[in-house]
PDB file of N, CA and C in Angstrom:
ATOM      1  N   UNK A   1     -17.303 -10.890 -52.224  1.00  0.00           N
ATOM      2  CA  UNK A   1     -15.991 -10.711 -52.474  1.00  0.00           C
ATOM      3  C   UNK A   1     -15.750 -10.857 -53.980  1.00  0.00           C
ATOM      4  N   UNK A   2     -16.415 -11.804 -54.517  1.00  0.00           N
ATOM      5  CA  UNK A   2     -16.317 -12.068 -55.947  1.00  0.00           C
ATOM      6  C   UNK A   2     -16.824 -10.888 -56.749  1.00  0.00           C
ATOM      7  N   UNK A   3     -17.671 -10.080 -56.302  1.00  0.00           N
ATOM      8  CA  UNK A   3     -18.212  -8.925 -57.001  1.00  0.00           C
ATOM      9  C   UNK A   3     -17.216  -7.805 -56.979  1.00  0.00           C
ATOM     10  N   UNK A   4     -16.193  -7.844 -56.099  1.00  0.00           N
ATOM     11  CA  UNK A   4     -15.326  -6.730 -56.046  1.00  0.00           C
ATOM     12  C   UNK A   4     -13.893  -7.327 -56.097  1.00  0.00           C
ATOM     13  N   UNK A   5     -13.568  -7.919 -57.282  1.00  0.00           N
ATOM     14  CA  UNK A   5     -12.198  -8.536 -57.444  1.00  0.00           C
ATOM     15  C   UNK A   5     -11.159  -7.523 -57.695  1.00  0.00           C
ATOM     16  N   UNK A   6     -11.487  -6.156 -57.665  1.00  0.00           N
ATOM     17  CA  UNK A   6     -10.488  -5.176 -57.724  1.00  0.00           C
ATOM     18  C   UNK A   6      -9.808  -4.965 -56.383  1.00  0.00           C
ATOM     19  N   UNK A   7     -10.431  -5.495 -55.294  1.00  0.00           N
ATOM     20  CA  UNK A   7      -9.908  -5.339 -53.985  1.00  0.00           C
ATOM     21  C   UNK A   7      -8.917  -6.472 -53.666  1.00  0.00           C
ATOM     22  N   UNK A   8      -7.834  -6.118 -53.125  1.00  0.00           N
ATOM     23  CA  UNK A   8      -6.795  -7.038 -52.705  1.00  0.00           C
ATOM     24  C   UNK A   8      -7.281  -7.599 -51.304  1.00  0.00           C
ATOM     25  N   UNK A   9      -8.087  -8.612 -51.260  1.00  0.00           N
ATOM     26  CA  UNK A   9      -8.744  -9.260 -50.041  1.00  0.00           C
ATOM     27  C   UNK A   9      -7.654  -9.697 -49.053  1.00  0.00           C
ATOM     28  N   UNK A  10      -6.552 -10.288 -49.624  1.00  0.00           N
ATOM     29  CA  UNK A  10      -5.582 -10.724 -48.789  1.00  0.00           C
ATOM     30  C   UNK A  10      -4.929  -9.607 -47.864  1.00  0.00           C
ATOM     31  N   UNK A  11      -4.726  -8.484 -48.592  1.00  0.00           N
ATOM     32  CA  UNK A  11      -4.144  -7.350 -47.883  1.00  0.00           C
ATOM     33  C   UNK A  11      -5.130  -6.805 -46.823  1.00  0.00           C
ATOM     34  N   UNK A  12      -6.443  -6.795 -47.180  1.00  0.00           N
ATOM     35  CA  UNK A  12      -7.442  -6.287 -46.285  1.00  0.00           C
ATOM     36  C   UNK A  12      -7.496  -7.198 -45.018  1.00  0.00           C
ATOM     37  N   UNK A  13      -7.507  -8.461 -45.233  1.00  0.00           N
ATOM     38  CA  UNK A  13      -7.486  -9.355 -44.054  1.00  0.00           C
ATOM     39  C   UNK A  13      -6.324  -9.349 -43.249  1.00  0.00           C
ATOM     40  N   UNK A  14      -5.066  -9.200 -43.856  1.00  0.00           N
ATOM     41  CA  UNK A  14      -3.808  -9.136 -43.259  1.00  0.00           C
ATOM     42  C   UNK A  14      -3.810  -7.881 -42.399  1.00  0.00           C
ATOM     43  N   UNK A  15      -4.285  -6.716 -42.958  1.00  0.00           N
ATOM     44  CA  UNK A  15      -4.151  -5.390 -42.205  1.00  0.00           C
ATOM     45  C   UNK A  15      -5.112  -5.519 -41.034  1.00  0.00           C
ATOM     46  N   UNK A  16      -6.271  -6.094 -41.200  1.00  0.00           N
ATOM     47  CA  UNK A  16      -7.223  -6.219 -40.130  1.00  0.00           C
ATOM     48  C   UNK A  16      -6.691  -7.042 -38.945  1.00  0.00           C
ATOM     49  N   UNK A  17      -6.074  -8.139 -39.251  1.00  0.00           N
ATOM     50  CA  UNK A  17      -5.555  -8.984 -38.240  1.00  0.00           C
ATOM     51  C   UNK A  17      -4.343  -8.344 -37.586  1.00  0.00           C
ATOM     52  N   UNK A  18      -3.556  -7.693 -38.308  1.00  0.00           N
ATOM     53  CA  UNK A  18      -2.425  -6.921 -37.805  1.00  0.00           C
ATOM     54  C   UNK A  18      -2.880  -5.893 -36.828  1.00  0.00           C
ATOM     55  N   UNK A  19      -3.802  -5.068 -37.142  1.00  0.00           N
ATOM     56  CA  UNK A  19      -4.395  -4.048 -36.231  1.00  0.00           C
ATOM     57  C   UNK A  19      -4.919  -4.683 -35.001  1.00  0.00           C
ATOM     58  N   UNK A  20      -5.700  -5.743 -35.104  1.00  0.00           N
ATOM     59  CA  UNK A  20      -6.261  -6.434 -33.880  1.00  0.00           C
ATOM     60  C   UNK A  20      -5.147  -6.924 -33.088  1.00  0.00           C
ATOM     61  N   UNK A  21      -4.130  -7.525 -33.552  1.00  0.00           N
ATOM     62  CA  UNK A  21      -3.097  -8.085 -32.734  1.00  0.00           C
ATOM     63  C   UNK A  21      -2.332  -6.880 -32.071  1.00  0.00           C
ATOM     64  N   UNK A  22      -2.094  -5.849 -32.708  1.00  0.00           N
ATOM     65  CA  UNK A  22      -1.486  -4.595 -32.081  1.00  0.00           C
ATOM     66  C   UNK A  22      -2.253  -4.096 -31.012  1.00  0.00           C
ATOM     67  N   UNK A  23      -3.545  -4.030 -31.073  1.00  0.00           N
ATOM     68  CA  UNK A  23      -4.364  -3.632 -29.931  1.00  0.00           C
ATOM     69  C   UNK A  23      -4.302  -4.585 -28.776  1.00  0.00           C
ATOM     70  N   UNK A  24      -4.286  -5.868 -29.061  1.00  0.00           N
ATOM     71  CA  UNK A  24      -4.284  -6.851 -27.931  1.00  0.00           C
ATOM     72  C   UNK A  24      -2.889  -6.809 -27.166  1.00  0.00           C
ATOM     73  N   UNK A  25      -1.831  -6.522 -27.978  1.00  0.00           N
ATOM     74  CA  UNK A  25      -0.454  -6.463 -27.374  1.00  0.00           C
ATOM     75  C   UNK A  25      -0.102  -5.206 -26.654  1.00  0.00           C
ATOM     76  N   UNK A  26      -0.988  -4.190 -26.678  1.00  0.00           N
ATOM     77  CA  UNK A  26      -0.687  -3.005 -25.970  1.00  0.00           C
ATOM     78  C   UNK A  26      -0.975  -3.217 -24.484  1.00  0.00           C
ATOM     79  N   UNK A  27       0.043  -2.709 -23.624  1.00  0.00           N
ATOM     80  CA  UNK A  27      -0.106  -2.833 -22.197  1.00  0.00           C
ATOM     81  C   UNK A  27      -0.697  -1.526 -21.657  1.00  0.00           C
ATOM     82  N   UNK A  28      -1.644  -1.648 -20.835  1.00  0.00           N
ATOM     83  CA  UNK A  28      -2.226  -0.526 -20.155  1.00  0.00           C
ATOM     84  C   UNK A  28      -1.235  -0.266 -18.929  1.00  0.00           C
ATOM     85  N   UNK A  29      -0.295   0.694 -19.148  1.00  0.00           N
ATOM     86  CA  UNK A  29       0.745   0.948 -18.130  1.00  0.00           C
ATOM     87  C   UNK A  29       0.194   1.380 -16.818  1.00  0.00           C
ATOM     88  N   UNK A  30      -0.735   2.246 -16.793  1.00  0.00           N
ATOM     89  CA  UNK A  30      -1.354   2.653 -15.565  1.00  0.00           C
ATOM     90  C   UNK A  30      -1.972   1.551 -14.809  1.00  0.00           C
ATOM     91  N   UNK A  31      -2.718   0.699 -15.549  1.00  0.00           N
ATOM     92  CA  UNK A  31      -3.425  -0.412 -14.780  1.00  0.00           C
ATOM     93  C   UNK A  31      -2.343  -1.356 -14.265  1.00  0.00           C
ATOM     94  N   UNK A  32      -1.266  -1.618 -15.089  1.00  0.00           N
ATOM     95  CA  UNK A  32      -0.187  -2.524 -14.542  1.00  0.00           C
ATOM     96  C   UNK A  32       0.441  -1.846 -13.368  1.00  0.00           C
ATOM     97  N   UNK A  33       0.734  -0.611 -13.283  1.00  0.00           N
ATOM     98  CA  UNK A  33       1.291   0.079 -12.178  1.00  0.00           C
ATOM     99  C   UNK A  33       0.422  -0.067 -10.948  1.00  0.00           C
ATOM    100  N   UNK A  34      -0.870   0.173 -11.061  1.00  0.00           N
ATOM    101  CA  UNK A  34      -1.784  -0.022  -9.958  1.00  0.00           C
ATOM    102  C   UNK A  34      -1.782  -1.395  -9.362  1.00  0.00           C
ATOM    103  N   UNK A  35      -1.685  -2.340 -10.308  1.00  0.00           N
ATOM    104  CA  UNK A  35      -1.645  -3.797  -9.855  1.00  0.00           C
ATOM    105  C   UNK A  35      -0.381  -4.141  -9.094  1.00  0.00           C
ATOM    106  N   UNK A  36       0.768  -3.524  -9.571  1.00  0.00           N
ATOM    107  CA  UNK A  36       2.040  -3.765  -8.909  1.00  0.00           C
ATOM    108  C   UNK A  36       1.981  -3.095  -7.577  1.00  0.00           C
ATOM    109  N   UNK A  37       1.495  -1.951  -7.429  1.00  0.00           N
ATOM    110  CA  UNK A  37       1.433  -1.328  -6.173  1.00  0.00           C
ATOM    111  C   UNK A  37       0.499  -1.988  -5.138  1.00  0.00           C
ATOM    112  N   UNK A  38      -0.658  -2.529  -5.765  1.00  0.00           N
ATOM    113  CA  UNK A  38      -1.565  -3.310  -4.897  1.00  0.00           C
ATOM    114  C   UNK A  38      -0.826  -4.642  -4.368  1.00  0.00           C
ATOM    115  N   UNK A  39      -0.115  -5.214  -5.264  1.00  0.00           N
ATOM    116  CA  UNK A  39       0.595  -6.513  -4.864  1.00  0.00           C
ATOM    117  C   UNK A  39       1.613  -6.202  -3.812  1.00  0.00           C
ATOM    118  N   UNK A  40       2.273  -5.075  -3.907  1.00  0.00           N
ATOM    119  CA  UNK A  40       3.314  -4.585  -2.925  1.00  0.00           C
ATOM    120  C   UNK A  40       2.658  -4.432  -1.619  1.00  0.00           C
ATOM    121  N   UNK A  41       1.506  -3.749  -1.550  1.00  0.00           N
ATOM    122  CA  UNK A  41       0.809  -3.468  -0.276  1.00  0.00           C
ATOM    123  C   UNK A  41       0.515  -4.816   0.345  1.00  0.00           C
ATOM    124  N   UNK A  42      -0.059  -5.684  -0.399  1.00  0.00           N
ATOM    125  CA  UNK A  42      -0.529  -7.006   0.207  1.00  0.00           C
ATOM    126  C   UNK A  42       0.679  -7.777   0.725  1.00  0.00           C
ATOM    127  N   UNK A  43       1.821  -7.756  -0.032  1.00  0.00           N
ATOM    128  CA  UNK A  43       3.021  -8.444   0.287  1.00  0.00           C
ATOM    129  C   UNK A  43       3.545  -7.973   1.592  1.00  0.00           C
ATOM    130  N   UNK A  44       3.637  -6.537   1.767  1.00  0.00           N
ATOM    131  CA  UNK A  44       4.124  -5.939   2.881  1.00  0.00           C
ATOM    132  C   UNK A  44       3.219  -6.034   4.100  1.00  0.00           C
ATOM    133  N   UNK A  45       1.986  -6.345   3.913  1.00  0.00           N
ATOM    134  CA  UNK A  45       1.023  -6.313   4.979  1.00  0.00           C
ATOM    135  C   UNK A  45       1.297  -7.498   5.971  1.00  0.00           C
ATOM    136  N   UNK A  46       1.984  -8.502   5.455  1.00  0.00           N
ATOM    137  CA  UNK A  46       2.208  -9.686   6.425  1.00  0.00           C
ATOM    138  C   UNK A  46       1.116 -10.696   6.320  1.00  0.00           C
ATOM    139  N   UNK A  47       0.093 -10.500   5.547  1.00  0.00           N
ATOM    140  CA  UNK A  47      -1.006 -11.477   5.415  1.00  0.00           C
ATOM    141  C   UNK A  47      -0.522 -12.837   5.100  1.00  0.00           C
ATOM    142  N   UNK A  48       0.414 -12.855   4.228  1.00  0.00           N
ATOM    143  CA  UNK A  48       0.946 -14.240   3.719  1.00  0.00           C
ATOM    144  C   UNK A  48       2.345 -14.460   4.382  1.00  0.00           C
ATOM    145  N   UNK A  49       2.380 -14.400   5.655  1.00  0.00           N
ATOM    146  CA  UNK A  49       3.592 -14.778   6.358  1.00  0.00           C
ATOM    147  C   UNK A  49       3.776 -16.291   6.291  1.00  0.00           C
ATOM    148  N   UNK A  50       5.015 -16.710   6.512  1.00  0.00           N
ATOM    149  CA  UNK A  50       5.236 -18.120   6.509  1.00  0.00           C
ATOM    150  C   UNK A  50       6.393 -18.475   5.636  1.00  0.00           C
ATOM    151  N   UNK A  51       6.924 -17.488   4.938  1.00  0.00           N
ATOM    152  CA  UNK A  51       8.058 -17.851   4.094  1.00  0.00           C
ATOM    153  C   UNK A  51       7.741 -18.368   2.629  1.00  0.00           C
ATOM    154  N   UNK A  52       6.470 -18.324   2.300  1.00  0.00           N
ATOM    155  CA  UNK A  52       6.022 -18.756   1.058  1.00  0.00           C
ATOM    156  C   UNK A  52       6.378 -17.702  -0.082  1.00  0.00           C
ATOM    157  N   UNK A  53       6.789 -18.240  -1.236  1.00  0.00           N
ATOM    158  CA  UNK A  53       7.013 -17.286  -2.386  1.00  0.00           C
ATOM    159  C   UNK A  53       5.656 -16.913  -2.998  1.00  0.00           C
ATOM    160  N   UNK A  54       5.667 -15.897  -3.823  1.00  0.00           N
ATOM    161  CA  UNK A  54       4.518 -15.506  -4.529  1.00  0.00           C
ATOM    162  C   UNK A  54       3.992 -16.534  -5.401  1.00  0.00           C
ATOM    163  N   UNK A  55       4.879 -17.311  -5.910  1.00  0.00           N
ATOM    164  CA  UNK A  55       4.363 -18.348  -6.873  1.00  0.00           C
ATOM    165  C   UNK A  55       3.606 -19.457  -5.985  1.00  0.00           C
ATOM    166  N   UNK A  56       4.156 -19.795  -4.836  1.00  0.00           N
ATOM    167  CA  UNK A  56       3.462 -20.838  -3.931  1.00  0.00           C
ATOM    168  C   UNK A  56       2.123 -20.190  -3.590  1.00  0.00           C
ATOM    169  N   UNK A  57       2.021 -19.018  -3.219  1.00  0.00           N
ATOM    170  CA  UNK A  57       0.755 -18.446  -2.763  1.00  0.00           C
ATOM    171  C   UNK A  57      -0.235 -18.451  -3.862  1.00  0.00           C
ATOM    172  N   UNK A  58       0.111 -18.081  -5.147  1.00  0.00           N
ATOM    173  CA  UNK A  58      -0.730 -18.081  -6.199  1.00  0.00           C
ATOM    174  C   UNK A  58      -1.220 -19.500  -6.510  1.00  0.00           C
ATOM    175  N   UNK A  59      -0.282 -20.464  -6.522  1.00  0.00           N
ATOM    176  CA  UNK A  59      -0.734 -21.839  -6.762  1.00  0.00           C
ATOM    177  C   UNK A  59      -1.643 -22.307  -5.739  1.00  0.00           C
ATOM    178  N   UNK A  60      -1.460 -21.928  -4.504  1.00  0.00           N
ATOM    179  CA  UNK A  60      -2.354 -22.385  -3.385  1.00  0.00           C
ATOM    180  C   UNK A  60      -3.713 -21.850  -3.609  1.00  0.00           C
ATOM    181  N   UNK A  61      -3.876 -20.537  -3.945  1.00  0.00           N
ATOM    182  CA  UNK A  61      -5.258 -20.007  -4.159  1.00  0.00           C
ATOM    183  C   UNK A  61      -5.830 -20.490  -5.459  1.00  0.00           C
ATOM    184  N   UNK A  62      -5.087 -20.823  -6.434  1.00  0.00           N
ATOM    185  CA  UNK A  62      -5.684 -21.416  -7.741  1.00  0.00           C
ATOM    186  C   UNK A  62      -6.178 -22.831  -7.355  1.00  0.00           C
ATOM    187  N   UNK A  63      -5.491 -23.560  -6.571  1.00  0.00           N
ATOM    188  CA  UNK A  63      -5.956 -24.862  -6.158  1.00  0.00           C
ATOM    189  C   UNK A  63      -7.123 -24.874  -5.337  1.00  0.00           C
ATOM    190  N   UNK A  64      -7.341 -23.770  -4.496  1.00  0.00           N
ATOM    191  CA  UNK A  64      -8.491 -23.675  -3.638  1.00  0.00           C
ATOM    192  C   UNK A  64      -9.803 -23.455  -4.499  1.00  0.00           C
ATOM    193  N   UNK A  65      -9.639 -22.748  -5.738  1.00  0.00           N
ATOM    194  CA  UNK A  65     -10.758 -22.500  -6.528  1.00  0.00           C
ATOM    195  C   UNK A  65     -11.330 -23.703  -7.252  1.00  0.00           C
ATOM    196  N   UNK A  66     -10.511 -24.777  -7.347  1.00  0.00           N
ATOM    197  CA  UNK A  66     -10.982 -25.878  -8.022  1.00  0.00           C
ATOM    198  C   UNK A  66     -12.010 -26.731  -7.327  1.00  0.00           C
TER     199      UNK A  66
END
């Protein structure tokens, strides 16, 4: 870096980080739609009958993994 003091390294790093964050923040809409449809099918199937909310079901499965 010292050999190329004509380069604005702060700007290079800032731009690189900004691009990386932009990529991470992009939502894959098609994938999100498929996940929502899958969740709807599972919910409507009656597998999780018993009046539990989705949050309770998720917590239950997470606790089982431990």
